[in-house]
Amino acid sequence: MNIKHFPRGLKQPEKGFRFSVDALLLSAFIRPGQGWKILDLGCGCGVVGLGIILANPDLELKVTGVDCDPQMIAFAEENAQNLGIKDKYQTLLLDIKQINHSSIEAESFDLVLLNPPYRASRQGRISPYKEKNPARFEISATLNTFIQAARFAVKNKKKVGIIYLAERLAEVMTELKTNRLTPKKMRPVYGRINKPARLCLLQAVKNGEPGLCLEPPLVLYKDEPANILTDQAKAFCPFLKK
C-alpha cells in the first residue's frame, strides 16, 4: 500500500464535487471484520472505500465502489491503482435506483457505506459547476433512494454506516426504521464544542434488535487557535492529519 498519497494525493475533479472531512470520518467509523465484502454507494473518487481499506491493513477486505458518473468511477479506479490496492477495490458504473436490476445480488454485502447528498433539490445555492450538484443535492437520488439500496444489498444482521446532517437526523431514523435497518450506534460530530453538532455518524443493523448506543461527542477543532484539530479527532481518524 502506498498510503502517503491518501487523502491529499487523490485524483478528483478540478471543478466538480470534491470530497470533504465527512467522507474521511465515515471511513474510520466502523471496524469491519475479516474477509468482509463492503459496498460504497455513491463512491465519487473512492475516498470512503479506499479509506476503510487503508485504515484496516490487517484485514482482507473487498470493496465495491458504485457511482453513476463515469468520470468519478475513472478517478476511483486510478486512485486505487496509485495506492497499490487495486486487488481489494473494484468499481461499478450504476444508478443506485437500478440496483435491484444490476449485477449486485440481494443481501450480498457485510457492510454498506453511505454519504448521501445532504440537501433537498431546492434547499441551498446551486453551484454553477453542474457536476457538483448531484453530490450535494437530492437531484438524481434522495436519502430514501440510498437507504433502500443499502437495505437491498446488505446481508441480514449485517451493518450499514452513514454520515448525515444532524438537522435531518429525524428523517434518517424514520427511513432506517421503514427499511428494517435498526440504528445501533450513533456519534454526534461537532465542529467545535461550543457550537451545535453539524453531523451524525450512524451504524445500523439489518433486522437488528432494538438498543441504541449514543457514543461520546466527536469534536473536530479546538476553539483556539482556530482550525487546529483536536487530539480526539486525530485519534479517531488519523487521515485528518495528512
C-alpha atoms as a PDB file:
ATOM      1  CA  MET A   1       0.000   0.000   0.000  1.00  0.00           C
ATOM      2  CA  ASN A   2       1.181   3.488  -0.855  1.00  0.00           C
ATOM      3  CA  ILE A   3      -0.672   5.335   1.909  1.00  0.00           C
ATOM      4  CA  LYS A   4       1.343   8.545   1.519  1.00  0.00           C
ATOM      5  CA  HIS A   5      -0.965   9.509  -1.374  1.00  0.00           C
ATOM      6  CA  PHE A   6      -4.057   9.386   0.855  1.00  0.00           C
ATOM      7  CA  PRO A   7      -6.059  11.528   1.094  1.00  0.00           C
ATOM      8  CA  ARG A   8      -4.428  14.660  -0.344  1.00  0.00           C
ATOM      9  CA  GLY A   9      -2.969  12.858  -3.339  1.00  0.00           C
ATOM     10  CA  LEU A  10      -6.302  11.502  -4.556  1.00  0.00           C
ATOM     11  CA  LYS A  11      -7.305  12.343  -8.095  1.00  0.00           C
ATOM     12  CA  GLN A  12     -10.611  14.224  -8.254  1.00  0.00           C
ATOM     13  CA  PRO A  13     -12.282  16.850 -10.462  1.00  0.00           C
ATOM     14  CA  GLU A  14     -10.816  20.341 -10.500  1.00  0.00           C
ATOM     15  CA  LYS A  15     -14.261  21.962 -10.740  1.00  0.00           C
ATOM     16  CA  GLY A  16     -16.627  19.113  -9.903  1.00  0.00           C
ATOM     17  CA  PHE A  17     -17.505  17.699  -6.487  1.00  0.00           C
ATOM     18  CA  ARG A  18     -14.507  17.219  -4.185  1.00  0.00           C
ATOM     19  CA  PHE A  19     -14.573  15.074  -1.055  1.00  0.00           C
ATOM     20  CA  SER A  20     -14.628  16.615   2.419  1.00  0.00           C
ATOM     21  CA  VAL A  21     -13.821  15.663   6.006  1.00  0.00           C
ATOM     22  CA  ASP A  22     -17.181  13.879   6.201  1.00  0.00           C
ATOM     23  CA  ALA A  23     -16.020  11.056   3.940  1.00  0.00           C
ATOM     24  CA  LEU A  24     -12.843  10.516   5.958  1.00  0.00           C
ATOM     25  CA  LEU A  25     -14.844  10.305   9.184  1.00  0.00           C
ATOM     26  CA  LEU A  26     -17.146   7.665   7.710  1.00  0.00           C
ATOM     27  CA  SER A  27     -14.173   5.572   6.573  1.00  0.00           C
ATOM     28  CA  ALA A  28     -12.929   5.464  10.185  1.00  0.00           C
ATOM     29  CA  PHE A  29     -16.260   4.905  11.941  1.00  0.00           C
ATOM     30  CA  ILE A  30     -16.877   1.167  11.585  1.00  0.00           C
ATOM     31  CA  ARG A  31     -14.312  -1.563  12.153  1.00  0.00           C
ATOM     32  CA  PRO A  32     -15.025  -4.283   9.565  1.00  0.00           C
ATOM     33  CA  GLY A  33     -14.489  -7.994  10.026  1.00  0.00           C
ATOM     34  CA  GLN A  34     -12.019 -10.313   8.319  1.00  0.00           C
ATOM     35  CA  GLY A  35     -12.982 -11.079   4.734  1.00  0.00           C
ATOM     36  CA  TRP A  36     -15.886  -8.650   4.628  1.00  0.00           C
ATOM     37  CA  LYS A  37     -17.416  -7.515   1.358  1.00  0.00           C
ATOM     38  CA  ILE A  38     -18.099  -3.775   1.522  1.00  0.00           C
ATOM     39  CA  LEU A  39     -20.250  -1.613  -0.755  1.00  0.00           C
ATOM     40  CA  ASP A  40     -19.718   2.157  -1.054  1.00  0.00           C
ATOM     41  CA  LEU A  41     -22.835   3.722  -2.575  1.00  0.00           C
ATOM     42  CA  GLY A  42     -22.147   6.982  -4.416  1.00  0.00           C
ATOM     43  CA  CYS A  43     -18.407   6.433  -4.137  1.00  0.00           C
ATOM     44  CA  GLY A  44     -17.233   9.530  -6.012  1.00  0.00           C
ATOM     45  CA  CYS A  45     -13.435   9.377  -6.307  1.00  0.00           C
ATOM     46  CA  GLY A  46     -13.407   6.380  -3.950  1.00  0.00           C
ATOM     47  CA  VAL A  47     -12.354   8.109  -0.733  1.00  0.00           C
ATOM     48  CA  VAL A  48     -14.615   6.208   1.711  1.00  0.00           C
ATOM     49  CA  GLY A  49     -13.965   2.723   0.343  1.00  0.00           C
ATOM     50  CA  LEU A  50     -10.254   3.321  -0.127  1.00  0.00           C
ATOM     51  CA  GLY A  51     -10.045   4.825   3.348  1.00  0.00           C
ATOM     52  CA  ILE A  52     -11.583   1.808   5.052  1.00  0.00           C
ATOM     53  CA  ILE A  53      -9.094  -0.484   3.285  1.00  0.00           C
ATOM     54  CA  LEU A  54      -6.124   1.673   4.319  1.00  0.00           C
ATOM     55  CA  ALA A  55      -7.430   2.012   7.888  1.00  0.00           C
ATOM     56  CA  ASN A  56      -7.527  -1.796   8.256  1.00  0.00           C
ATOM     57  CA  PRO A  57      -4.348  -3.138   6.615  1.00  0.00           C
ATOM     58  CA  ASP A  58      -4.537  -6.322   8.720  1.00  0.00           C
ATOM     59  CA  LEU A  59      -7.845  -7.371   7.140  1.00  0.00           C
ATOM     60  CA  GLU A  60      -8.576  -8.946   3.772  1.00  0.00           C
ATOM     61  CA  LEU A  61     -11.392  -6.727   2.510  1.00  0.00           C
ATOM     62  CA  LYS A  62     -13.148  -6.479  -0.842  1.00  0.00           C
ATOM     63  CA  VAL A  63     -14.696  -3.080  -1.555  1.00  0.00           C
ATOM     64  CA  THR A  64     -17.016  -2.194  -4.434  1.00  0.00           C
ATOM     65  CA  GLY A  65     -17.497   1.487  -5.227  1.00  0.00           C
ATOM     66  CA  VAL A  66     -20.702   2.381  -7.071  1.00  0.00           C
ATOM     67  CA  ASP A  67     -21.388   5.676  -8.843  1.00  0.00           C
ATOM     68  CA  CYS A  68     -23.470   6.904 -11.784  1.00  0.00           C
ATOM     69  CA  ASP A  69     -20.765   9.316 -13.007  1.00  0.00           C
ATOM     70  CA  PRO A  70     -18.223   7.737 -15.388  1.00  0.00           C
ATOM     71  CA  GLN A  71     -15.646  10.410 -14.573  1.00  0.00           C
ATOM     72  CA  MET A  72     -15.820   9.677 -10.840  1.00  0.00           C
ATOM     73  CA  ILE A  73     -15.560   5.944 -11.486  1.00  0.00           C
ATOM     74  CA  ALA A  74     -12.407   6.584 -13.537  1.00  0.00           C
ATOM     75  CA  PHE A  75     -10.925   8.655 -10.705  1.00  0.00           C
ATOM     76  CA  ALA A  76     -11.757   5.934  -8.144  1.00  0.00           C
ATOM     77  CA  GLU A  77     -10.041   3.268 -10.240  1.00  0.00           C
ATOM     78  CA  GLU A  78      -6.966   5.447 -10.782  1.00  0.00           C
ATOM     79  CA  ASN A  79      -6.759   6.199  -7.062  1.00  0.00           C
ATOM     80  CA  ALA A  80      -6.956   2.514  -6.141  1.00  0.00           C
ATOM     81  CA  GLN A  81      -4.168   1.801  -8.613  1.00  0.00           C
ATOM     82  CA  ASN A  82      -1.970   4.622  -7.273  1.00  0.00           C
ATOM     83  CA  LEU A  83      -2.486   3.443  -3.698  1.00  0.00           C
ATOM     84  CA  GLY A  84      -1.481  -0.107  -4.580  1.00  0.00           C
ATOM     85  CA  ILE A  85      -4.790  -1.648  -3.506  1.00  0.00           C
ATOM     86  CA  LYS A  86      -6.424  -2.384  -6.856  1.00  0.00           C
ATOM     87  CA  ASP A  87      -6.714  -6.031  -5.831  1.00  0.00           C
ATOM     88  CA  LYS A  88      -9.028  -5.032  -2.964  1.00  0.00           C
ATOM     89  CA  TYR A  89     -11.078  -2.387  -4.767  1.00  0.00           C
ATOM     90  CA  GLN A  90     -13.396  -2.547  -7.753  1.00  0.00           C
ATOM     91  CA  THR A  91     -15.969  -0.179  -9.243  1.00  0.00           C
ATOM     92  CA  LEU A  92     -19.358  -0.404 -10.861  1.00  0.00           C
ATOM     93  CA  LEU A  93     -20.965   2.288 -13.015  1.00  0.00           C
ATOM     94  CA  LEU A  94     -24.545   2.218 -11.811  1.00  0.00           C
ATOM     95  CA  ASP A  95     -27.528   4.398 -10.974  1.00  0.00           C
ATOM     96  CA  ILE A  96     -28.383   3.153  -7.485  1.00  0.00           C
ATOM     97  CA  LYS A  97     -32.096   3.414  -8.276  1.00  0.00           C
ATOM     98  CA  GLN A  98     -31.480   0.401 -10.536  1.00  0.00           C
ATOM     99  CA  ILE A  99     -29.510  -1.636  -8.009  1.00  0.00           C
ATOM    100  CA  ASN A 100     -32.040  -4.472  -7.937  1.00  0.00           C
ATOM    101  CA  HIS A 101     -31.688  -4.817 -11.730  1.00  0.00           C
ATOM    102  CA  SER A 102     -27.888  -4.863 -11.717  1.00  0.00           C
ATOM    103  CA  SER A 103     -25.086  -7.358 -11.183  1.00  0.00           C
ATOM    104  CA  ILE A 104     -25.282  -6.716  -7.435  1.00  0.00           C
ATOM    105  CA  GLU A 105     -27.079  -9.567  -5.712  1.00  0.00           C
ATOM    106  CA  ALA A 106     -29.532  -9.034  -2.881  1.00  0.00           C
ATOM    107  CA  GLU A 107     -28.061  -9.407   0.626  1.00  0.00           C
ATOM    108  CA  SER A 108     -24.525  -9.926  -0.653  1.00  0.00           C
ATOM    109  CA  PHE A 109     -22.517  -7.387   1.402  1.00  0.00           C
ATOM    110  CA  ASP A 110     -21.395  -7.370   5.031  1.00  0.00           C
ATOM    111  CA  LEU A 111     -21.212  -3.575   5.211  1.00  0.00           C
ATOM    112  CA  VAL A 112     -22.768  -0.823   3.113  1.00  0.00           C
ATOM    113  CA  LEU A 113     -21.451   2.746   3.466  1.00  0.00           C
ATOM    114  CA  LEU A 114     -23.482   5.857   2.608  1.00  0.00           C
ATOM    115  CA  ASN A 115     -22.528   9.514   2.320  1.00  0.00           C
ATOM    116  CA  PRO A 116     -25.694  10.761   0.556  1.00  0.00           C
ATOM    117  CA  PRO A 117     -26.467  14.283  -0.670  1.00  0.00           C
ATOM    118  CA  TYR A 118     -27.335  16.423   2.351  1.00  0.00           C
ATOM    119  CA  ARG A 119     -29.848  18.855   0.895  1.00  0.00           C
ATOM    120  CA  ALA A 120     -33.198  18.680  -0.873  1.00  0.00           C
ATOM    121  CA  SER A 121     -33.057  19.686  -4.528  1.00  0.00           C
ATOM    122  CA  ARG A 122     -34.163  23.293  -3.909  1.00  0.00           C
ATOM    123  CA  GLN A 123     -32.598  23.821  -0.499  1.00  0.00           C
ATOM    124  CA  GLY A 124     -29.463  25.930  -0.804  1.00  0.00           C
ATOM    125  CA  ARG A 125     -27.411  27.571  -3.524  1.00  0.00           C
ATOM    126  CA  ILE A 126     -26.922  25.570  -6.700  1.00  0.00           C
ATOM    127  CA  SER A 127     -23.320  25.507  -7.920  1.00  0.00           C
ATOM    128  CA  PRO A 128     -22.559  26.911 -11.392  1.00  0.00           C
ATOM    129  CA  TYR A 129     -20.466  23.756 -11.857  1.00  0.00           C
ATOM    130  CA  LYS A 130     -23.272  21.311 -12.541  1.00  0.00           C
ATOM    131  CA  GLU A 131     -21.028  18.314 -11.768  1.00  0.00           C
ATOM    132  CA  LYS A 132     -21.050  19.280  -8.069  1.00  0.00           C
ATOM    133  CA  ASN A 133     -24.794  19.383  -7.594  1.00  0.00           C
ATOM    134  CA  PRO A 134     -25.816  15.676  -7.625  1.00  0.00           C
ATOM    135  CA  ALA A 135     -23.443  15.003  -4.718  1.00  0.00           C
ATOM    136  CA  ARG A 136     -24.736  17.969  -2.714  1.00  0.00           C
ATOM    137  CA  PHE A 137     -28.449  17.976  -3.526  1.00  0.00           C
ATOM    138  CA  GLU A 138     -31.116  15.274  -3.909  1.00  0.00           C
ATOM    139  CA  ILE A 139     -31.314  15.741  -7.664  1.00  0.00           C
ATOM    140  CA  SER A 140     -30.811  12.231  -9.007  1.00  0.00           C
ATOM    141  CA  ALA A 141     -31.136  10.273  -5.743  1.00  0.00           C
ATOM    142  CA  THR A 142     -32.748  11.023  -2.373  1.00  0.00           C
ATOM    143  CA  LEU A 143     -31.894   9.882   1.138  1.00  0.00           C
ATOM    144  CA  ASN A 144     -34.590   7.229   0.753  1.00  0.00           C
ATOM    145  CA  THR A 145     -33.025   6.019  -2.519  1.00  0.00           C
ATOM    146  CA  PHE A 146     -29.687   5.433  -0.781  1.00  0.00           C
ATOM    147  CA  ILE A 147     -31.208   3.700   2.244  1.00  0.00           C
ATOM    148  CA  GLN A 148     -33.391   1.442   0.087  1.00  0.00           C
ATOM    149  CA  ALA A 149     -30.331   0.460  -1.925  1.00  0.00           C
ATOM    150  CA  ALA A 150     -28.456  -0.292   1.298  1.00  0.00           C
ATOM    151  CA  ARG A 151     -31.303  -2.482   2.541  1.00  0.00           C
ATOM    152  CA  PHE A 152     -31.267  -4.420  -0.719  1.00  0.00           C
ATOM    153  CA  ALA A 153     -27.511  -5.019  -0.721  1.00  0.00           C
ATOM    154  CA  VAL A 154     -26.687  -5.695   2.938  1.00  0.00           C
ATOM    155  CA  LYS A 155     -26.888  -9.180   4.420  1.00  0.00           C
ATOM    156  CA  ASN A 156     -29.325  -9.979   7.207  1.00  0.00           C
ATOM    157  CA  LYS A 157     -27.918  -8.899  10.612  1.00  0.00           C
ATOM    158  CA  LYS A 158     -25.038  -7.058   8.927  1.00  0.00           C
ATOM    159  CA  LYS A 159     -24.175  -3.359   9.002  1.00  0.00           C
ATOM    160  CA  VAL A 160     -24.914  -0.073   7.284  1.00  0.00           C
ATOM    161  CA  GLY A 161     -22.844   3.039   8.025  1.00  0.00           C
ATOM    162  CA  ILE A 162     -23.992   6.563   7.221  1.00  0.00           C
ATOM    163  CA  ILE A 163     -22.888  10.135   7.827  1.00  0.00           C
ATOM    164  CA  TYR A 164     -25.534  12.818   7.536  1.00  0.00           C
ATOM    165  CA  LEU A 165     -26.638  16.240   8.715  1.00  0.00           C
ATOM    166  CA  ALA A 166     -27.634  16.378  12.380  1.00  0.00           C
ATOM    167  CA  GLU A 167     -30.562  18.651  11.494  1.00  0.00           C
ATOM    168  CA  ARG A 168     -32.058  15.846   9.360  1.00  0.00           C
ATOM    169  CA  LEU A 169     -31.493  13.111  11.927  1.00  0.00           C
ATOM    170  CA  ALA A 170     -35.233  12.526  12.412  1.00  0.00           C
ATOM    171  CA  GLU A 171     -35.609  11.805   8.682  1.00  0.00           C
ATOM    172  CA  VAL A 172     -32.673   9.384   8.745  1.00  0.00           C
ATOM    173  CA  MET A 173     -34.126   7.486  11.691  1.00  0.00           C
ATOM    174  CA  THR A 174     -37.528   7.260  10.003  1.00  0.00           C
ATOM    175  CA  GLU A 175     -36.069   5.980   6.734  1.00  0.00           C
ATOM    176  CA  LEU A 176     -33.876   3.435   8.506  1.00  0.00           C
ATOM    177  CA  LYS A 177     -36.821   2.071  10.507  1.00  0.00           C
ATOM    178  CA  THR A 178     -39.009   1.892   7.378  1.00  0.00           C
ATOM    179  CA  ASN A 179     -36.309  -0.168   5.677  1.00  0.00           C
ATOM    180  CA  ARG A 180     -35.748  -2.583   8.607  1.00  0.00           C
ATOM    181  CA  LEU A 181     -32.355  -1.096   9.446  1.00  0.00           C
ATOM    182  CA  THR A 182     -32.095  -0.727  13.213  1.00  0.00           C
ATOM    183  CA  PRO A 183     -29.853   2.102  14.489  1.00  0.00           C
ATOM    184  CA  LYS A 184     -27.336   0.565  16.911  1.00  0.00           C
ATOM    185  CA  LYS A 185     -24.605   3.195  17.296  1.00  0.00           C
ATOM    186  CA  MET A 186     -24.622   6.957  16.888  1.00  0.00           C
ATOM    187  CA  ARG A 187     -21.894   9.564  17.324  1.00  0.00           C
ATOM    188  CA  PRO A 188     -22.611  13.294  17.004  1.00  0.00           C
ATOM    189  CA  VAL A 189     -19.879  15.314  15.285  1.00  0.00           C
ATOM    190  CA  TYR A 190     -19.146  18.875  16.383  1.00  0.00           C
ATOM    191  CA  GLY A 191     -17.007  21.385  14.542  1.00  0.00           C
ATOM    192  CA  ARG A 192     -16.301  22.982  17.922  1.00  0.00           C
ATOM    193  CA  ILE A 193     -17.588  22.080  21.350  1.00  0.00           C
ATOM    194  CA  ASN A 194     -19.455  25.378  21.851  1.00  0.00           C
ATOM    195  CA  LYS A 195     -21.431  25.003  18.595  1.00  0.00           C
ATOM    196  CA  PRO A 196     -24.340  22.676  17.758  1.00  0.00           C
ATOM    197  CA  ALA A 197     -23.462  19.323  16.211  1.00  0.00           C
ATOM    198  CA  ARG A 198     -23.412  19.553  12.422  1.00  0.00           C
ATOM    199  CA  LEU A 199     -23.163  15.860  11.552  1.00  0.00           C
ATOM    200  CA  CYS A 200     -24.033  12.442  12.911  1.00  0.00           C
ATOM    201  CA  LEU A 201     -22.329   9.129  12.261  1.00  0.00           C
ATOM    202  CA  LEU A 202     -24.748   6.201  12.420  1.00  0.00           C
ATOM    203  CA  GLN A 203     -24.379   2.439  12.337  1.00  0.00           C
ATOM    204  CA  ALA A 204     -27.458   0.326  11.688  1.00  0.00           C
ATOM    205  CA  VAL A 205     -28.042  -3.421  11.521  1.00  0.00           C
ATOM    206  CA  LYS A 206     -30.489  -5.078   9.147  1.00  0.00           C
ATOM    207  CA  ASN A 207     -33.302  -6.618  11.194  1.00  0.00           C
ATOM    208  CA  GLY A 208     -31.337  -5.843  14.352  1.00  0.00           C
ATOM    209  CA  GLU A 209     -32.733  -5.892  17.875  1.00  0.00           C
ATOM    210  CA  PRO A 210     -33.628  -2.531  19.481  1.00  0.00           C
ATOM    211  CA  GLY A 211     -30.918  -0.826  21.504  1.00  0.00           C
ATOM    212  CA  LEU A 212     -29.013   2.317  20.520  1.00  0.00           C
ATOM    213  CA  CYS A 213     -25.591   3.254  21.928  1.00  0.00           C
ATOM    214  CA  LEU A 214     -25.114   7.027  21.889  1.00  0.00           C
ATOM    215  CA  GLU A 215     -21.345   7.488  21.835  1.00  0.00           C
ATOM    216  CA  PRO A 216     -19.436  10.488  23.241  1.00  0.00           C
ATOM    217  CA  PRO A 217     -19.351  13.571  21.004  1.00  0.00           C
ATOM    218  CA  LEU A 218     -16.578  13.834  18.454  1.00  0.00           C
ATOM    219  CA  VAL A 219     -15.159  17.377  18.413  1.00  0.00           C
ATOM    220  CA  LEU A 220     -13.046  18.184  15.366  1.00  0.00           C
ATOM    221  CA  TYR A 221     -11.413  21.534  16.109  1.00  0.00           C
ATOM    222  CA  LYS A 222     -10.080  23.444  19.088  1.00  0.00           C
ATOM    223  CA  ASP A 223     -11.597  26.803  19.990  1.00  0.00           C
ATOM    224  CA  GLU A 224      -8.175  28.449  19.959  1.00  0.00           C
ATOM    225  CA  PRO A 225      -6.151  28.600  17.848  1.00  0.00           C
ATOM    226  CA  ALA A 226      -8.649  28.319  15.029  1.00  0.00           C
ATOM    227  CA  ASN A 227      -8.747  25.331  12.645  1.00  0.00           C
ATOM    228  CA  ILE A 228      -6.419  23.158  14.724  1.00  0.00           C
ATOM    229  CA  LEU A 229      -7.589  19.559  15.031  1.00  0.00           C
ATOM    230  CA  THR A 230      -8.285  18.172  18.492  1.00  0.00           C
ATOM    231  CA  ASP A 231      -6.284  15.179  19.723  1.00  0.00           C
ATOM    232  CA  GLN A 232      -9.586  13.306  19.845  1.00  0.00           C
ATOM    233  CA  ALA A 233     -10.234  13.922  16.139  1.00  0.00           C
ATOM    234  CA  LYS A 234      -6.709  12.856  15.157  1.00  0.00           C
ATOM    235  CA  ALA A 235      -7.044   9.661  17.188  1.00  0.00           C
ATOM    236  CA  PHE A 236     -10.456   8.861  15.702  1.00  0.00           C
ATOM    237  CA  CYS A 237      -9.336   9.404  12.103  1.00  0.00           C
ATOM    238  CA  PRO A 238      -5.568   9.650  11.511  1.00  0.00           C
ATOM    239  CA  PHE A 239      -6.248  10.577   7.862  1.00  0.00           C
ATOM    240  CA  LEU A 240      -7.344  14.037   9.036  1.00  0.00           C
ATOM    241  CA  LYS A 241      -3.708  14.859   9.869  1.00  0.00           C
ATOM    242  CA  LYS A 242      -2.446  14.196   6.349  1.00  0.00           C
END
